[in-house]
Protein backbone atom coordinates (compact mmCIF):
# COMPACT_ATOMS: atom_id res chain seq x y z
CA UNK A 1 0.00 0.00 0.00
CA UNK A 2 0.99 3.61 -0.46
CA UNK A 3 2.37 5.50 2.54
CA UNK A 4 -0.82 7.55 2.81
CA UNK A 5 -3.01 4.45 2.67
CA UNK A 6 -0.90 2.83 5.37
CA UNK A 7 -1.27 6.01 7.41
CA UNK A 8 -5.05 5.89 7.02
CA UNK A 9 -5.28 2.19 7.91
CA UNK A 10 -3.20 2.35 11.07
CA UNK A 11 -5.07 2.84 14.35
CA UNK A 12 -5.14 6.38 15.68
CA UNK A 13 -2.75 7.09 18.56
CA UNK A 14 -4.64 7.17 21.87
CA UNK A 15 -3.97 10.86 22.52
CA UNK A 16 -4.71 11.97 18.96
CA UNK A 17 -8.42 11.25 18.96
CA UNK A 18 -10.41 12.91 16.18
CA UNK A 19 -7.42 15.05 15.24
CA UNK A 20 -5.82 11.99 13.66
CA UNK A 21 -8.62 11.64 11.11
CA UNK A 22 -8.40 15.30 10.11
CA UNK A 23 -4.60 15.01 9.88
CA UNK A 24 -4.84 12.07 7.49
CA UNK A 25 -7.42 13.97 5.42
CA UNK A 26 -5.11 16.96 5.10
CA UNK A 27 -2.21 14.76 4.03
CA UNK A 28 -4.37 13.08 1.39
CA UNK A 29 -5.55 16.47 0.14
CA UNK A 30 -1.96 17.65 -0.18
CA UNK A 31 -1.02 14.45 -1.99
CA UNK A 32 -3.81 14.84 -4.52
CA UNK A 33 -2.87 18.50 -5.22
CA UNK A 34 -6.54 19.31 -5.80
CA UNK A 35 -6.39 22.49 -3.75
CA UNK A 36 -3.50 23.85 -5.81
CA UNK A 37 -0.68 26.12 -4.73
CA UNK A 38 -0.59 28.24 -2.56
CA UNK A 39 -3.97 27.15 -1.14
CA UNK A 40 -2.23 24.01 0.17
CA UNK A 41 -0.36 25.97 2.82
CA UNK A 42 -3.68 27.46 3.92
CA UNK A 43 -5.05 23.95 4.50
CA UNK A 44 -2.11 23.11 6.75
CA UNK A 45 -2.44 26.37 8.68
CA UNK A 46 -6.16 25.84 9.29
CA UNK A 47 -5.55 22.30 10.56
CA UNK A 48 -2.75 23.49 12.85
CA UNK A 49 -4.70 26.47 14.24
CA UNK A 50 -6.35 24.72 17.26
CA UNK A 51 -3.08 22.98 18.15
CA UNK A 52 -1.24 26.28 17.97
CA UNK A 53 -3.59 27.79 20.53
CA UNK A 54 -3.27 24.73 22.74
CA UNK A 55 0.53 24.44 22.69
CA UNK A 56 1.78 28.03 22.77
CA UNK A 57 1.05 30.98 25.02
CA UNK A 58 2.02 33.44 22.27
CA UNK A 59 -0.38 31.83 19.80
CA UNK A 60 -1.51 35.18 18.36
CA UNK A 61 2.04 36.19 17.48
CA UNK A 62 2.82 32.81 15.95
CA UNK A 63 -0.41 32.91 13.97
CA UNK A 64 0.65 36.25 12.49
CA UNK A 65 3.95 34.65 11.43
CA UNK A 66 2.08 31.82 9.71
CA UNK A 67 -0.20 34.27 7.89
CA UNK A 68 2.84 36.21 6.73
CA UNK A 69 4.47 32.98 5.58
CA UNK A 70 1.32 32.11 3.65
CA UNK A 71 1.40 35.47 1.88
CA UNK A 72 5.07 35.05 0.98
CA UNK A 73 4.33 31.57 -0.37
CA UNK A 74 1.98 33.15 -2.90
CA UNK A 75 4.99 34.70 -4.60
CA UNK A 76 6.42 31.30 -5.59
CA UNK A 77 5.14 29.18 -8.47
CA UNK A 78 5.20 25.84 -6.64
CA UNK A 79 5.50 24.17 -3.26
CA UNK A 80 8.91 22.76 -4.21
CA UNK A 81 10.28 26.18 -5.16
CA UNK A 82 8.97 27.76 -1.96
CA UNK A 83 10.42 25.06 0.30
CA UNK A 84 13.76 25.25 -1.52
CA UNK A 85 14.01 29.02 -1.02
CA UNK A 86 12.89 28.73 2.61
CA UNK A 87 15.52 26.06 3.28
CA UNK A 88 18.34 28.00 1.64
CA UNK A 89 17.38 31.34 3.19
CA UNK A 90 15.35 30.81 6.39
CA UNK A 91 14.25 33.76 8.56
CA UNK A 92 16.60 34.70 11.39
CA UNK A 93 13.83 35.14 13.96
CA UNK A 94 10.09 35.21 14.43
CA UNK A 95 8.07 38.32 15.16
CA UNK A 96 6.99 39.43 18.60
CA UNK A 97 4.84 42.06 20.23
CA UNK A 98 6.34 45.47 20.85
CA UNK A 99 8.18 45.93 24.13
CA UNK A 100 10.63 48.24 25.83
CA UNK A 101 13.32 49.20 23.27
CA UNK A 102 16.89 48.10 23.91
CA UNK A 103 20.08 49.93 23.02
CA UNK A 104 21.24 47.16 20.70
CA UNK A 105 18.04 47.41 18.65
CA UNK A 106 19.42 50.47 16.85
CA UNK A 107 21.40 48.70 14.16
CA UNK A 108 22.21 48.57 10.47
CA UNK A 109 21.04 45.60 8.42
CA UNK A 110 23.35 44.30 5.69
CA UNK A 111 21.48 42.12 3.23
CA UNK A 112 21.78 40.61 -0.22
CA UNK A 113 19.02 41.32 -2.71
CA UNK A 114 17.77 37.74 -2.55
CA UNK A 115 17.58 37.82 1.25
CA UNK A 116 15.70 41.13 1.12
CA UNK A 117 12.71 39.65 -0.71
CA UNK A 118 9.55 40.23 1.29
CA UNK A 119 11.29 42.77 3.57
CA UNK A 120 10.81 46.53 3.79
CA UNK A 121 12.78 49.27 5.52
CA UNK A 122 12.33 53.00 6.01
CA UNK A 123 15.63 53.84 4.32
CA UNK A 124 17.65 51.67 1.95
CA UNK A 125 21.15 52.16 0.54
CA UNK A 126 21.87 50.01 -2.50
CA UNK A 127 25.60 49.67 -3.16
CA UNK A 128 27.45 49.27 -6.46
CA UNK A 129 24.62 50.10 -8.86
CA UNK A 130 26.97 49.69 -11.82
CA UNK A 131 27.31 47.34 -14.76
CA UNK A 132 29.25 44.31 -13.64
CA UNK A 133 27.41 44.22 -10.32
CA UNK A 134 23.83 44.79 -11.45
CA UNK A 135 23.64 43.18 -13.93
CA UNK A 136 26.36 40.83 -12.79
CA UNK A 137 29.15 39.86 -15.17
CA UNK A 138 27.86 36.29 -14.89
CA UNK A 139 24.24 37.23 -15.60
CA UNK A 140 24.35 38.69 -19.11
CA UNK A 141 24.79 35.54 -21.18
CA UNK A 142 21.21 35.47 -22.45
CA UNK A 143 18.30 37.87 -22.67
CA UNK A 144 16.45 35.88 -20.01
CA UNK A 145 19.39 36.29 -17.61
CA UNK A 146 19.48 40.04 -18.23
CA UNK A 147 15.75 40.31 -17.51
CA UNK A 148 16.26 38.36 -14.28
CA UNK A 149 18.95 40.87 -13.27
CA UNK A 150 16.52 43.69 -14.05
CA UNK A 151 13.94 42.09 -11.77
CA UNK A 152 16.54 41.86 -9.01
CA UNK A 153 17.15 45.60 -9.28
CA UNK A 154 13.40 46.16 -9.03
CA UNK A 155 13.24 43.99 -5.91
CA UNK A 156 16.08 45.93 -4.29
CA UNK A 157 14.64 49.36 -5.11
CA UNK A 158 11.17 48.48 -3.84
CA UNK A 159 12.46 47.47 -0.39
CA UNK A 160 12.58 51.18 0.58
CA UNK A 161 9.49 52.66 2.22
CA UNK A 162 10.52 56.34 2.37
CA UNK A 163 14.09 56.88 1.16
CA UNK A 164 16.19 55.08 -1.44
CA UNK A 165 19.85 55.83 -2.17
CA UNK A 166 21.52 54.21 -5.17
CA UNK A 167 25.30 54.34 -4.80
CA UNK A 168 27.34 54.47 -8.03
CA UNK A 169 31.08 54.28 -7.21
CA UNK A 170 33.44 56.32 -9.36
CA UNK A 171 36.13 53.64 -9.28
CA UNK A 172 36.92 50.14 -8.01
CA UNK A 173 40.36 49.35 -6.60
CA UNK A 174 41.78 46.08 -7.89
CA UNK A 175 42.77 43.20 -5.64
CA UNK A 176 46.25 41.82 -5.12
CA UNK A 177 48.08 45.09 -4.49
CA UNK A 178 49.82 46.48 -1.42
CA UNK A 179 48.15 48.78 1.07
CA UNK A 180 49.48 51.88 -0.68
CA UNK A 181 48.52 50.67 -4.17
CA UNK A 182 46.32 52.81 -6.38
CA UNK A 183 45.45 50.49 -9.27
CA UNK A 184 41.78 50.91 -10.07
CA UNK A 185 39.17 50.61 -12.81
CA UNK A 186 36.23 52.82 -13.69
CA UNK A 187 32.62 51.65 -13.68
CA UNK A 188 29.54 52.92 -15.47
CA UNK A 189 26.03 53.30 -14.10
CA UNK A 190 23.85 50.24 -14.56
CA UNK A 191 22.28 49.93 -17.99
CA UNK A 192 18.88 49.56 -16.31
CA UNK A 193 18.89 53.27 -15.37
CA UNK A 194 19.66 55.10 -18.63
CA UNK A 195 20.16 58.85 -18.86
CA UNK A 196 16.51 59.34 -19.84
CA UNK A 197 15.45 58.21 -16.35
CA UNK A 198 17.82 60.44 -14.39
CA UNK A 199 15.17 63.18 -14.31
CA UNK A 200 13.29 61.05 -11.77
CA UNK A 201 16.30 60.90 -9.43
CA UNK A 202 18.04 63.46 -7.29
CA UNK A 203 21.61 63.12 -8.53
CA UNK A 204 24.34 64.14 -6.10
CA UNK A 205 28.06 63.50 -5.75
CA UNK A 206 31.16 64.42 -3.84
CA UNK A 207 31.73 68.20 -3.56
CA UNK A 208 34.28 69.51 -6.01
CA UNK A 209 37.66 70.48 -4.59
CA UNK A 210 38.51 74.15 -5.03
CA UNK A 211 41.50 74.85 -7.22
CA UNK A 212 44.67 75.79 -5.36
CA UNK A 213 46.06 79.26 -5.52
CA UNK A 214 49.39 79.92 -7.24
CA UNK A 215 51.17 80.39 -3.89
CA UNK A 216 49.82 77.07 -2.59
CA UNK A 217 50.98 75.28 -5.71
CA UNK A 218 54.47 76.78 -5.34
CA UNK A 219 54.58 75.73 -1.68
CA UNK A 220 53.82 72.14 -2.66
CA UNK A 221 56.67 72.17 -5.18
CA UNK A 222 59.30 73.11 -2.58
CA UNK A 223 61.65 70.18 -1.98
CA UNK A 224 62.73 69.46 1.58
CA UNK A 225 65.74 67.28 2.38
CA UNK A 226 64.31 65.40 5.34
CA UNK A 227 67.48 63.30 5.70
CA UNK A 228 69.68 66.38 6.06
CA UNK A 229 67.37 67.86 8.67
CA UNK A 230 67.37 64.64 10.68
CA UNK A 231 71.17 64.45 10.62
CA UNK A 232 71.33 68.08 11.75
CA UNK A 233 69.19 67.27 14.79
CA UNK A 234 71.75 64.72 16.04
CA UNK A 235 74.87 66.88 15.73
C-alpha atoms as a PDB file:
ATOM      1  CA  UNK A   1       0.000   0.000   0.000  1.00  0.00           C
ATOM      2  CA  UNK A   2       0.993   3.610  -0.459  1.00  0.00           C
ATOM      3  CA  UNK A   3       2.373   5.496   2.543  1.00  0.00           C
ATOM      4  CA  UNK A   4      -0.822   7.545   2.812  1.00  0.00           C
ATOM      5  CA  UNK A   5      -3.010   4.447   2.667  1.00  0.00           C
ATOM      6  CA  UNK A   6      -0.900   2.825   5.367  1.00  0.00           C
ATOM      7  CA  UNK A   7      -1.268   6.007   7.410  1.00  0.00           C
ATOM      8  CA  UNK A   8      -5.053   5.895   7.020  1.00  0.00           C
ATOM      9  CA  UNK A   9      -5.276   2.186   7.914  1.00  0.00           C
ATOM     10  CA  UNK A  10      -3.199   2.351  11.072  1.00  0.00           C
ATOM     11  CA  UNK A  11      -5.074   2.842  14.354  1.00  0.00           C
ATOM     12  CA  UNK A  12      -5.141   6.378  15.684  1.00  0.00           C
ATOM     13  CA  UNK A  13      -2.751   7.087  18.565  1.00  0.00           C
ATOM     14  CA  UNK A  14      -4.643   7.173  21.874  1.00  0.00           C
ATOM     15  CA  UNK A  15      -3.966  10.858  22.521  1.00  0.00           C
ATOM     16  CA  UNK A  16      -4.710  11.969  18.957  1.00  0.00           C
ATOM     17  CA  UNK A  17      -8.424  11.246  18.963  1.00  0.00           C
ATOM     18  CA  UNK A  18     -10.406  12.907  16.184  1.00  0.00           C
ATOM     19  CA  UNK A  19      -7.423  15.052  15.243  1.00  0.00           C
ATOM     20  CA  UNK A  20      -5.821  11.995  13.655  1.00  0.00           C
ATOM     21  CA  UNK A  21      -8.616  11.642  11.114  1.00  0.00           C
ATOM     22  CA  UNK A  22      -8.396  15.299  10.111  1.00  0.00           C
ATOM     23  CA  UNK A  23      -4.600  15.012   9.881  1.00  0.00           C
ATOM     24  CA  UNK A  24      -4.842  12.068   7.487  1.00  0.00           C
ATOM     25  CA  UNK A  25      -7.423  13.970   5.419  1.00  0.00           C
ATOM     26  CA  UNK A  26      -5.113  16.963   5.104  1.00  0.00           C
ATOM     27  CA  UNK A  27      -2.207  14.755   4.031  1.00  0.00           C
ATOM     28  CA  UNK A  28      -4.374  13.076   1.395  1.00  0.00           C
ATOM     29  CA  UNK A  29      -5.548  16.467   0.145  1.00  0.00           C
ATOM     30  CA  UNK A  30      -1.963  17.655  -0.184  1.00  0.00           C
ATOM     31  CA  UNK A  31      -1.018  14.454  -1.989  1.00  0.00           C
ATOM     32  CA  UNK A  32      -3.814  14.842  -4.522  1.00  0.00           C
ATOM     33  CA  UNK A  33      -2.866  18.499  -5.217  1.00  0.00           C
ATOM     34  CA  UNK A  34      -6.544  19.305  -5.799  1.00  0.00           C
ATOM     35  CA  UNK A  35      -6.387  22.492  -3.754  1.00  0.00           C
ATOM     36  CA  UNK A  36      -3.505  23.846  -5.811  1.00  0.00           C
ATOM     37  CA  UNK A  37      -0.684  26.118  -4.726  1.00  0.00           C
ATOM     38  CA  UNK A  38      -0.589  28.244  -2.557  1.00  0.00           C
ATOM     39  CA  UNK A  39      -3.966  27.147  -1.137  1.00  0.00           C
ATOM     40  CA  UNK A  40      -2.227  24.015   0.173  1.00  0.00           C
ATOM     41  CA  UNK A  41      -0.360  25.972   2.818  1.00  0.00           C
ATOM     42  CA  UNK A  42      -3.676  27.459   3.925  1.00  0.00           C
ATOM     43  CA  UNK A  43      -5.051  23.950   4.501  1.00  0.00           C
ATOM     44  CA  UNK A  44      -2.110  23.112   6.752  1.00  0.00           C
ATOM     45  CA  UNK A  45      -2.439  26.365   8.684  1.00  0.00           C
ATOM     46  CA  UNK A  46      -6.163  25.836   9.293  1.00  0.00           C
ATOM     47  CA  UNK A  47      -5.548  22.297  10.555  1.00  0.00           C
ATOM     48  CA  UNK A  48      -2.751  23.491  12.852  1.00  0.00           C
ATOM     49  CA  UNK A  49      -4.698  26.468  14.239  1.00  0.00           C
ATOM     50  CA  UNK A  50      -6.352  24.724  17.261  1.00  0.00           C
ATOM     51  CA  UNK A  51      -3.081  22.975  18.149  1.00  0.00           C
ATOM     52  CA  UNK A  52      -1.236  26.281  17.966  1.00  0.00           C
ATOM     53  CA  UNK A  53      -3.589  27.794  20.530  1.00  0.00           C
ATOM     54  CA  UNK A  54      -3.268  24.734  22.739  1.00  0.00           C
ATOM     55  CA  UNK A  55       0.526  24.441  22.687  1.00  0.00           C
ATOM     56  CA  UNK A  56       1.779  28.033  22.774  1.00  0.00           C
ATOM     57  CA  UNK A  57       1.047  30.982  25.024  1.00  0.00           C
ATOM     58  CA  UNK A  58       2.017  33.443  22.271  1.00  0.00           C
ATOM     59  CA  UNK A  59      -0.379  31.832  19.797  1.00  0.00           C
ATOM     60  CA  UNK A  60      -1.514  35.178  18.361  1.00  0.00           C
ATOM     61  CA  UNK A  61       2.041  36.185  17.482  1.00  0.00           C
ATOM     62  CA  UNK A  62       2.816  32.806  15.952  1.00  0.00           C
ATOM     63  CA  UNK A  63      -0.406  32.912  13.972  1.00  0.00           C
ATOM     64  CA  UNK A  64       0.654  36.254  12.486  1.00  0.00           C
ATOM     65  CA  UNK A  65       3.946  34.651  11.433  1.00  0.00           C
ATOM     66  CA  UNK A  66       2.084  31.822   9.712  1.00  0.00           C
ATOM     67  CA  UNK A  67      -0.198  34.266   7.894  1.00  0.00           C
ATOM     68  CA  UNK A  68       2.842  36.214   6.732  1.00  0.00           C
ATOM     69  CA  UNK A  69       4.474  32.984   5.582  1.00  0.00           C
ATOM     70  CA  UNK A  70       1.322  32.110   3.652  1.00  0.00           C
ATOM     71  CA  UNK A  71       1.396  35.473   1.880  1.00  0.00           C
ATOM     72  CA  UNK A  72       5.069  35.053   0.985  1.00  0.00           C
ATOM     73  CA  UNK A  73       4.327  31.571  -0.373  1.00  0.00           C
ATOM     74  CA  UNK A  74       1.975  33.147  -2.903  1.00  0.00           C
ATOM     75  CA  UNK A  75       4.993  34.698  -4.599  1.00  0.00           C
ATOM     76  CA  UNK A  76       6.416  31.304  -5.589  1.00  0.00           C
ATOM     77  CA  UNK A  77       5.136  29.177  -8.473  1.00  0.00           C
ATOM     78  CA  UNK A  78       5.196  25.840  -6.641  1.00  0.00           C
ATOM     79  CA  UNK A  79       5.505  24.170  -3.262  1.00  0.00           C
ATOM     80  CA  UNK A  80       8.905  22.760  -4.205  1.00  0.00           C
ATOM     81  CA  UNK A  81      10.281  26.184  -5.161  1.00  0.00           C
ATOM     82  CA  UNK A  82       8.970  27.760  -1.963  1.00  0.00           C
ATOM     83  CA  UNK A  83      10.421  25.062   0.302  1.00  0.00           C
ATOM     84  CA  UNK A  84      13.755  25.249  -1.517  1.00  0.00           C
ATOM     85  CA  UNK A  85      14.015  29.018  -1.022  1.00  0.00           C
ATOM     86  CA  UNK A  86      12.888  28.730   2.608  1.00  0.00           C
ATOM     87  CA  UNK A  87      15.515  26.057   3.282  1.00  0.00           C
ATOM     88  CA  UNK A  88      18.343  28.002   1.639  1.00  0.00           C
ATOM     89  CA  UNK A  89      17.382  31.338   3.185  1.00  0.00           C
ATOM     90  CA  UNK A  90      15.349  30.809   6.386  1.00  0.00           C
ATOM     91  CA  UNK A  91      14.247  33.756   8.558  1.00  0.00           C
ATOM     92  CA  UNK A  92      16.596  34.695  11.393  1.00  0.00           C
ATOM     93  CA  UNK A  93      13.835  35.144  13.957  1.00  0.00           C
ATOM     94  CA  UNK A  94      10.092  35.215  14.432  1.00  0.00           C
ATOM     95  CA  UNK A  95       8.072  38.319  15.159  1.00  0.00           C
ATOM     96  CA  UNK A  96       6.988  39.429  18.598  1.00  0.00           C
ATOM     97  CA  UNK A  97       4.835  42.056  20.232  1.00  0.00           C
ATOM     98  CA  UNK A  98       6.338  45.472  20.855  1.00  0.00           C
ATOM     99  CA  UNK A  99       8.181  45.928  24.130  1.00  0.00           C
ATOM    100  CA  UNK A 100      10.629  48.240  25.830  1.00  0.00           C
ATOM    101  CA  UNK A 101      13.321  49.198  23.273  1.00  0.00           C
ATOM    102  CA  UNK A 102      16.893  48.103  23.914  1.00  0.00           C
ATOM    103  CA  UNK A 103      20.085  49.930  23.021  1.00  0.00           C
ATOM    104  CA  UNK A 104      21.237  47.157  20.699  1.00  0.00           C
ATOM    105  CA  UNK A 105      18.038  47.408  18.647  1.00  0.00           C
ATOM    106  CA  UNK A 106      19.417  50.473  16.850  1.00  0.00           C
ATOM    107  CA  UNK A 107      21.405  48.703  14.163  1.00  0.00           C
ATOM    108  CA  UNK A 108      22.215  48.571  10.473  1.00  0.00           C
ATOM    109  CA  UNK A 109      21.042  45.598   8.419  1.00  0.00           C
ATOM    110  CA  UNK A 110      23.352  44.300   5.686  1.00  0.00           C
ATOM    111  CA  UNK A 111      21.476  42.120   3.230  1.00  0.00           C
ATOM    112  CA  UNK A 112      21.781  40.610  -0.219  1.00  0.00           C
ATOM    113  CA  UNK A 113      19.020  41.321  -2.714  1.00  0.00           C
ATOM    114  CA  UNK A 114      17.766  37.736  -2.551  1.00  0.00           C
ATOM    115  CA  UNK A 115      17.578  37.824   1.245  1.00  0.00           C
ATOM    116  CA  UNK A 116      15.703  41.132   1.123  1.00  0.00           C
ATOM    117  CA  UNK A 117      12.707  39.653  -0.708  1.00  0.00           C
ATOM    118  CA  UNK A 118       9.549  40.233   1.293  1.00  0.00           C
ATOM    119  CA  UNK A 119      11.287  42.770   3.567  1.00  0.00           C
ATOM    120  CA  UNK A 120      10.808  46.527   3.789  1.00  0.00           C
ATOM    121  CA  UNK A 121      12.775  49.270   5.519  1.00  0.00           C
ATOM    122  CA  UNK A 122      12.328  52.999   6.013  1.00  0.00           C
ATOM    123  CA  UNK A 123      15.629  53.841   4.318  1.00  0.00           C
ATOM    124  CA  UNK A 124      17.648  51.671   1.948  1.00  0.00           C
ATOM    125  CA  UNK A 125      21.150  52.161   0.540  1.00  0.00           C
ATOM    126  CA  UNK A 126      21.873  50.012  -2.501  1.00  0.00           C
ATOM    127  CA  UNK A 127      25.600  49.667  -3.156  1.00  0.00           C
ATOM    128  CA  UNK A 128      27.454  49.269  -6.457  1.00  0.00           C
ATOM    129  CA  UNK A 129      24.624  50.100  -8.857  1.00  0.00           C
ATOM    130  CA  UNK A 130      26.972  49.688 -11.819  1.00  0.00           C
ATOM    131  CA  UNK A 131      27.312  47.340 -14.757  1.00  0.00           C
ATOM    132  CA  UNK A 132      29.255  44.313 -13.637  1.00  0.00           C
ATOM    133  CA  UNK A 133      27.414  44.223 -10.321  1.00  0.00           C
ATOM    134  CA  UNK A 134      23.833  44.793 -11.448  1.00  0.00           C
ATOM    135  CA  UNK A 135      23.644  43.185 -13.930  1.00  0.00           C
ATOM    136  CA  UNK A 136      26.359  40.831 -12.787  1.00  0.00           C
ATOM    137  CA  UNK A 137      29.145  39.860 -15.167  1.00  0.00           C
ATOM    138  CA  UNK A 138      27.863  36.294 -14.891  1.00  0.00           C
ATOM    139  CA  UNK A 139      24.242  37.233 -15.598  1.00  0.00           C
ATOM    140  CA  UNK A 140      24.346  38.689 -19.107  1.00  0.00           C
ATOM    141  CA  UNK A 141      24.787  35.541 -21.176  1.00  0.00           C
ATOM    142  CA  UNK A 142      21.212  35.470 -22.446  1.00  0.00           C
ATOM    143  CA  UNK A 143      18.301  37.874 -22.672  1.00  0.00           C
ATOM    144  CA  UNK A 144      16.454  35.876 -20.006  1.00  0.00           C
ATOM    145  CA  UNK A 145      19.386  36.286 -17.610  1.00  0.00           C
ATOM    146  CA  UNK A 146      19.484  40.036 -18.229  1.00  0.00           C
ATOM    147  CA  UNK A 147      15.754  40.312 -17.509  1.00  0.00           C
ATOM    148  CA  UNK A 148      16.263  38.359 -14.283  1.00  0.00           C
ATOM    149  CA  UNK A 149      18.951  40.872 -13.265  1.00  0.00           C
ATOM    150  CA  UNK A 150      16.523  43.695 -14.051  1.00  0.00           C
ATOM    151  CA  UNK A 151      13.938  42.090 -11.774  1.00  0.00           C
ATOM    152  CA  UNK A 152      16.544  41.863  -9.009  1.00  0.00           C
ATOM    153  CA  UNK A 153      17.151  45.600  -9.279  1.00  0.00           C
ATOM    154  CA  UNK A 154      13.397  46.161  -9.032  1.00  0.00           C
ATOM    155  CA  UNK A 155      13.242  43.987  -5.912  1.00  0.00           C
ATOM    156  CA  UNK A 156      16.082  45.930  -4.292  1.00  0.00           C
ATOM    157  CA  UNK A 157      14.644  49.358  -5.105  1.00  0.00           C
ATOM    158  CA  UNK A 158      11.167  48.482  -3.836  1.00  0.00           C
ATOM    159  CA  UNK A 159      12.457  47.471  -0.393  1.00  0.00           C
ATOM    160  CA  UNK A 160      12.581  51.177   0.582  1.00  0.00           C
ATOM    161  CA  UNK A 161       9.494  52.657   2.222  1.00  0.00           C
ATOM    162  CA  UNK A 162      10.522  56.338   2.374  1.00  0.00           C
ATOM    163  CA  UNK A 163      14.092  56.883   1.156  1.00  0.00           C
ATOM    164  CA  UNK A 164      16.189  55.077  -1.437  1.00  0.00           C
ATOM    165  CA  UNK A 165      19.848  55.834  -2.170  1.00  0.00           C
ATOM    166  CA  UNK A 166      21.524  54.206  -5.175  1.00  0.00           C
ATOM    167  CA  UNK A 167      25.302  54.341  -4.797  1.00  0.00           C
ATOM    168  CA  UNK A 168      27.337  54.472  -8.029  1.00  0.00           C
ATOM    169  CA  UNK A 169      31.082  54.281  -7.206  1.00  0.00           C
ATOM    170  CA  UNK A 170      33.438  56.316  -9.357  1.00  0.00           C
ATOM    171  CA  UNK A 171      36.133  53.640  -9.281  1.00  0.00           C
ATOM    172  CA  UNK A 172      36.924  50.145  -8.008  1.00  0.00           C
ATOM    173  CA  UNK A 173      40.355  49.346  -6.602  1.00  0.00           C
ATOM    174  CA  UNK A 174      41.782  46.082  -7.885  1.00  0.00           C
ATOM    175  CA  UNK A 175      42.767  43.196  -5.643  1.00  0.00           C
ATOM    176  CA  UNK A 176      46.251  41.823  -5.116  1.00  0.00           C
ATOM    177  CA  UNK A 177      48.085  45.088  -4.486  1.00  0.00           C
ATOM    178  CA  UNK A 178      49.824  46.484  -1.425  1.00  0.00           C
ATOM    179  CA  UNK A 179      48.154  48.777   1.073  1.00  0.00           C
ATOM    180  CA  UNK A 180      49.485  51.883  -0.684  1.00  0.00           C
ATOM    181  CA  UNK A 181      48.521  50.673  -4.169  1.00  0.00           C
ATOM    182  CA  UNK A 182      46.316  52.807  -6.382  1.00  0.00           C
ATOM    183  CA  UNK A 183      45.445  50.495  -9.266  1.00  0.00           C
ATOM    184  CA  UNK A 184      41.782  50.913 -10.074  1.00  0.00           C
ATOM    185  CA  UNK A 185      39.167  50.612 -12.814  1.00  0.00           C
ATOM    186  CA  UNK A 186      36.226  52.824 -13.686  1.00  0.00           C
ATOM    187  CA  UNK A 187      32.620  51.648 -13.677  1.00  0.00           C
ATOM    188  CA  UNK A 188      29.537  52.924 -15.465  1.00  0.00           C
ATOM    189  CA  UNK A 189      26.031  53.303 -14.096  1.00  0.00           C
ATOM    190  CA  UNK A 190      23.847  50.236 -14.559  1.00  0.00           C
ATOM    191  CA  UNK A 191      22.281  49.934 -17.991  1.00  0.00           C
ATOM    192  CA  UNK A 192      18.881  49.558 -16.308  1.00  0.00           C
ATOM    193  CA  UNK A 193      18.895  53.266 -15.368  1.00  0.00           C
ATOM    194  CA  UNK A 194      19.658  55.104 -18.627  1.00  0.00           C
ATOM    195  CA  UNK A 195      20.161  58.853 -18.864  1.00  0.00           C
ATOM    196  CA  UNK A 196      16.509  59.337 -19.840  1.00  0.00           C
ATOM    197  CA  UNK A 197      15.448  58.210 -16.350  1.00  0.00           C
ATOM    198  CA  UNK A 198      17.815  60.443 -14.388  1.00  0.00           C
ATOM    199  CA  UNK A 199      15.168  63.181 -14.308  1.00  0.00           C
ATOM    200  CA  UNK A 200      13.289  61.048 -11.772  1.00  0.00           C
ATOM    201  CA  UNK A 201      16.300  60.896  -9.432  1.00  0.00           C
ATOM    202  CA  UNK A 202      18.040  63.461  -7.285  1.00  0.00           C
ATOM    203  CA  UNK A 203      21.611  63.124  -8.528  1.00  0.00           C
ATOM    204  CA  UNK A 204      24.338  64.142  -6.103  1.00  0.00           C
ATOM    205  CA  UNK A 205      28.056  63.497  -5.753  1.00  0.00           C
ATOM    206  CA  UNK A 206      31.161  64.420  -3.835  1.00  0.00           C
ATOM    207  CA  UNK A 207      31.727  68.200  -3.557  1.00  0.00           C
ATOM    208  CA  UNK A 208      34.280  69.511  -6.011  1.00  0.00           C
ATOM    209  CA  UNK A 209      37.661  70.485  -4.593  1.00  0.00           C
ATOM    210  CA  UNK A 210      38.510  74.146  -5.034  1.00  0.00           C
ATOM    211  CA  UNK A 211      41.505  74.846  -7.224  1.00  0.00           C
ATOM    212  CA  UNK A 212      44.668  75.786  -5.359  1.00  0.00           C
ATOM    213  CA  UNK A 213      46.057  79.263  -5.523  1.00  0.00           C
ATOM    214  CA  UNK A 214      49.389  79.917  -7.239  1.00  0.00           C
ATOM    215  CA  UNK A 215      51.171  80.386  -3.893  1.00  0.00           C
ATOM    216  CA  UNK A 216      49.819  77.075  -2.586  1.00  0.00           C
ATOM    217  CA  UNK A 217      50.984  75.277  -5.713  1.00  0.00           C
ATOM    218  CA  UNK A 218      54.473  76.777  -5.337  1.00  0.00           C
ATOM    219  CA  UNK A 219      54.583  75.734  -1.684  1.00  0.00           C
ATOM    220  CA  UNK A 220      53.819  72.138  -2.660  1.00  0.00           C
ATOM    221  CA  UNK A 221      56.665  72.165  -5.179  1.00  0.00           C
ATOM    222  CA  UNK A 222      59.297  73.109  -2.581  1.00  0.00           C
ATOM    223  CA  UNK A 223      61.645  70.179  -1.979  1.00  0.00           C
ATOM    224  CA  UNK A 224      62.730  69.462   1.584  1.00  0.00           C
ATOM    225  CA  UNK A 225      65.739  67.285   2.377  1.00  0.00           C
ATOM    226  CA  UNK A 226      64.309  65.401   5.339  1.00  0.00           C
ATOM    227  CA  UNK A 227      67.483  63.305   5.704  1.00  0.00           C
ATOM    228  CA  UNK A 228      69.682  66.385   6.062  1.00  0.00           C
ATOM    229  CA  UNK A 229      67.369  67.858   8.669  1.00  0.00           C
ATOM    230  CA  UNK A 230      67.372  64.642  10.683  1.00  0.00           C
ATOM    231  CA  UNK A 231      71.175  64.454  10.620  1.00  0.00           C
ATOM    232  CA  UNK A 232      71.331  68.085  11.754  1.00  0.00           C
ATOM    233  CA  UNK A 233      69.194  67.272  14.789  1.00  0.00           C
ATOM    234  CA  UNK A 234      71.750  64.722  16.037  1.00  0.00           C
ATOM    235  CA  UNK A 235      74.866  66.879  15.732  1.00  0.00           C
END
